[in-house]
Protein backbone atom coordinates (compact mmCIF):
# COMPACT_ATOMS: atom_id res chain seq x y z
CA MET A 1 -51.96 68.22 -74.79
CA ASN A 2 -50.50 68.85 -71.38
CA ILE A 3 -50.15 65.55 -69.46
CA PHE A 4 -52.12 66.81 -66.47
CA LEU A 5 -54.92 68.29 -68.60
CA GLU A 6 -55.22 64.98 -70.42
CA ALA A 7 -55.39 63.16 -67.08
CA LEU A 8 -58.05 65.56 -65.85
CA LEU A 9 -60.01 64.88 -69.02
CA VAL A 10 -59.67 61.07 -68.51
CA PHE A 11 -60.76 61.41 -64.84
CA THR A 12 -63.73 63.61 -65.71
CA LEU A 13 -64.84 61.27 -68.51
CA ARG A 14 -64.79 58.27 -66.15
CA VAL A 15 -66.64 60.15 -63.40
CA VAL A 16 -69.37 61.08 -65.86
CA GLY A 17 -69.49 57.70 -67.57
CA ILE A 18 -69.53 55.60 -64.38
CA SER A 19 -72.13 57.89 -62.70
CA ILE A 20 -74.37 57.52 -65.69
CA GLY A 21 -73.73 53.82 -65.85
CA THR A 22 -74.64 53.46 -62.17
CA LEU A 23 -77.90 55.24 -62.73
CA SER A 24 -78.48 53.08 -65.81
CA THR A 25 -78.05 49.89 -63.81
CA LEU A 26 -80.53 51.05 -61.22
CA MET A 27 -83.01 52.11 -63.95
CA THR A 28 -82.61 48.63 -65.53
CA VAL A 29 -83.40 46.92 -62.24
CA GLN A 30 -86.53 49.12 -61.83
CA GLY A 31 -87.67 48.34 -65.38
CA HIS A 32 -87.14 51.77 -66.99
CA LYS A 33 -86.04 50.31 -70.33
CA LEU A 34 -85.84 53.39 -72.50
CA TYR A 35 -84.02 55.56 -69.89
CA ALA A 36 -81.65 52.73 -69.08
CA ALA A 37 -80.79 52.25 -72.80
CA ALA A 38 -80.18 55.94 -73.40
CA ALA A 39 -78.00 56.16 -70.28
CA ASN A 40 -75.98 53.14 -71.35
CA PHE A 41 -75.43 54.64 -74.74
CA ILE A 42 -74.01 57.80 -73.21
CA SER A 43 -71.94 55.74 -70.76
CA ALA A 44 -70.47 53.59 -73.54
CA LEU A 45 -69.61 56.66 -75.64
CA VAL A 46 -67.84 58.30 -72.74
CA TYR A 47 -66.01 54.99 -72.04
CA ILE A 48 -64.75 54.67 -75.55
CA ILE A 49 -63.24 58.19 -75.50
CA ALA A 50 -61.69 57.76 -72.05
CA ILE A 51 -60.21 54.30 -72.68
CA GLY A 52 -58.86 55.56 -76.04
CA LYS A 53 -56.87 58.20 -74.21
CA VAL A 54 -55.43 55.59 -71.85
CA VAL A 55 -54.59 52.70 -74.26
CA THR A 56 -52.87 54.94 -76.85
CA ASN A 57 -50.11 55.50 -74.31
CA LEU A 58 -49.91 52.82 -71.66
CA ASP A 59 -46.59 54.32 -70.47
CA ASN A 60 -48.55 57.32 -69.16
CA VAL A 61 -49.10 56.29 -65.53
CA VAL A 62 -50.88 59.53 -64.75
CA ASN A 63 -53.66 58.71 -67.19
CA ILE A 64 -54.01 55.19 -65.79
CA VAL A 65 -54.28 56.51 -62.23
CA ALA A 66 -56.73 59.23 -63.39
CA TYR A 67 -58.80 56.60 -65.11
CA CYS A 68 -58.98 54.40 -61.97
CA CYS A 69 -59.67 57.35 -59.71
CA GLY A 70 -62.43 58.44 -62.08
CA VAL A 71 -64.04 55.01 -61.88
CA ALA A 72 -64.03 55.15 -58.08
CA ALA A 73 -65.31 58.72 -57.88
CA GLY A 74 -67.95 58.02 -60.55
CA THR A 75 -69.31 55.11 -58.59
CA TRP A 76 -69.61 57.23 -55.48
CA ILE A 77 -71.20 60.13 -57.29
CA GLY A 78 -73.57 57.82 -59.18
CA MET A 79 -74.75 56.36 -55.94
CA LEU A 80 -75.22 59.78 -54.40
CA LEU A 81 -77.23 60.87 -57.42
CA GLU A 82 -79.40 57.82 -57.24
CA GLN A 83 -80.11 58.46 -53.56
CA ARG A 84 -80.94 62.09 -54.32
CA LEU A 85 -83.26 61.17 -57.24
CA ALA A 86 -84.88 58.34 -55.20
CA LEU A 87 -86.35 56.69 -58.24
CA GLY A 88 -89.08 54.09 -57.82
CA PHE A 89 -91.09 52.88 -54.89
CA ALA A 90 -90.45 51.28 -51.54
CA GLU A 91 -92.54 49.12 -49.16
CA VAL A 92 -92.16 50.14 -45.55
CA ARG A 93 -93.24 47.60 -42.89
CA LEU A 94 -93.52 48.53 -39.26
CA ILE A 95 -94.04 45.90 -36.57
CA SER A 96 -95.24 47.03 -33.21
CA PRO A 97 -96.63 45.03 -30.29
CA GLU A 98 -98.24 48.04 -28.61
CA ARG A 99 -98.56 51.10 -30.95
CA SER A 100 -99.46 49.75 -34.37
CA ASP A 101 -102.90 51.50 -34.40
CA ALA A 102 -101.27 54.83 -33.56
CA LEU A 103 -98.61 54.22 -36.28
CA ALA A 104 -101.30 53.59 -38.84
CA GLU A 105 -103.33 56.61 -37.84
CA ALA A 106 -100.34 58.92 -37.86
CA LEU A 107 -99.38 57.75 -41.36
CA ARG A 108 -102.91 58.12 -42.63
CA LEU A 109 -103.11 61.70 -41.17
CA SER A 110 -99.92 62.50 -43.08
CA GLY A 111 -101.60 61.32 -46.31
CA PHE A 112 -100.10 57.87 -46.68
CA GLY A 113 -102.10 54.75 -47.67
CA VAL A 114 -101.74 52.05 -44.95
CA THR A 115 -102.63 48.38 -44.60
CA GLU A 116 -102.86 46.96 -41.11
CA LEU A 117 -102.26 43.25 -40.37
CA TYR A 118 -101.87 41.32 -37.13
CA GLY A 119 -99.51 38.51 -36.36
CA HIS A 120 -98.05 36.49 -33.53
CA GLY A 121 -94.69 37.59 -32.20
CA ARG A 122 -92.51 35.67 -29.79
CA GLU A 123 -94.41 36.80 -26.78
CA SER A 124 -97.63 38.40 -27.99
CA VAL A 125 -99.84 39.59 -30.77
CA VAL A 126 -98.16 42.28 -32.84
CA GLY A 127 -99.56 44.85 -35.25
CA ILE A 128 -98.01 45.08 -38.71
CA VAL A 129 -98.39 48.37 -40.63
CA GLU A 130 -97.40 48.42 -44.28
CA THR A 131 -97.31 51.28 -46.73
CA ILE A 132 -95.97 51.57 -50.27
CA VAL A 133 -94.51 55.06 -51.08
CA PRO A 134 -92.30 56.70 -53.61
CA ARG A 135 -88.74 56.26 -52.36
CA LYS A 136 -88.34 60.00 -51.77
CA ASN A 137 -90.98 59.69 -49.03
CA VAL A 138 -89.35 56.90 -47.09
CA GLY A 139 -87.55 59.31 -44.80
CA ARG A 140 -90.80 61.05 -43.89
CA VAL A 141 -92.46 57.68 -43.11
CA LEU A 142 -89.54 56.66 -40.91
CA ASP A 143 -89.66 60.01 -39.06
CA ILE A 144 -93.40 59.58 -38.36
CA ALA A 145 -92.80 56.01 -37.17
CA LYS A 146 -89.99 56.99 -34.90
CA GLY A 147 -92.17 59.78 -33.42
CA VAL A 148 -94.98 57.37 -32.62
CA ASP A 149 -93.07 54.19 -31.64
CA GLU A 150 -89.31 54.35 -31.58
CA LYS A 151 -89.18 50.67 -30.67
CA ALA A 152 -91.03 49.50 -33.74
CA ILE A 153 -89.24 47.05 -35.99
CA VAL A 154 -88.88 48.67 -39.41
CA THR A 155 -87.99 47.16 -42.74
CA VAL A 156 -87.79 48.90 -46.11
CA ARG A 157 -87.82 46.96 -49.35
CA GLU A 158 -87.43 48.22 -52.93
CA THR A 159 -90.56 47.58 -54.92
CA ARG A 160 -90.23 47.20 -58.68
CA THR A 161 -93.81 47.50 -59.83
CA VAL A 162 -96.84 49.07 -58.20
CA GLN A 163 -100.35 48.89 -59.62
CA HIS A 164 -103.29 50.73 -58.06
CA GLY A 165 -103.45 51.74 -54.46
CA TYR A 166 -103.82 54.95 -52.52
CA TRP A 167 -101.45 57.77 -53.37
CA ARG A 168 -101.08 61.15 -51.72
CA THR A 169 -102.18 64.06 -53.77
CA ARG A 170 -99.48 66.39 -54.96
CA GLY A 171 -100.86 69.32 -52.99
CA ARG A 172 -100.42 67.55 -49.61
CA ARG A 173 -96.92 67.33 -48.05
């Protein structure tokens, strides 16, 4: 096989394997056992084929470089895929001393379930607005929050398990 075609094969195998492995790790953290196991199976199979191409001829520097570049590119692509898929849930917390009621109302009008709390900030009482949403909706929640109170303190946390609660219907966007 042509040295550059073999290097391209090694690179492609590592990109695919690492991308799938990255998704598998994230699925493991989120508790998706079956999907994580299947993804790891594929990742291991691709790894064995790629590493076999490299270790059978350690004098082939092109394959070694292609392998390393494939790992780097696969990590990058895996992270981009994960962001695009936005698996799982997130808890968004908004803290506002003046506009928490308006934040809560705007989120509710957009179909999100909201819990309102109140606390004591450094200088005054603050409103705390919390919502748990599918990760793909986090951007929308942040846009709404910015439109209502661009000075609100915002935190977003990954949430592993969600039971019960209010969920937007599929027809509403």
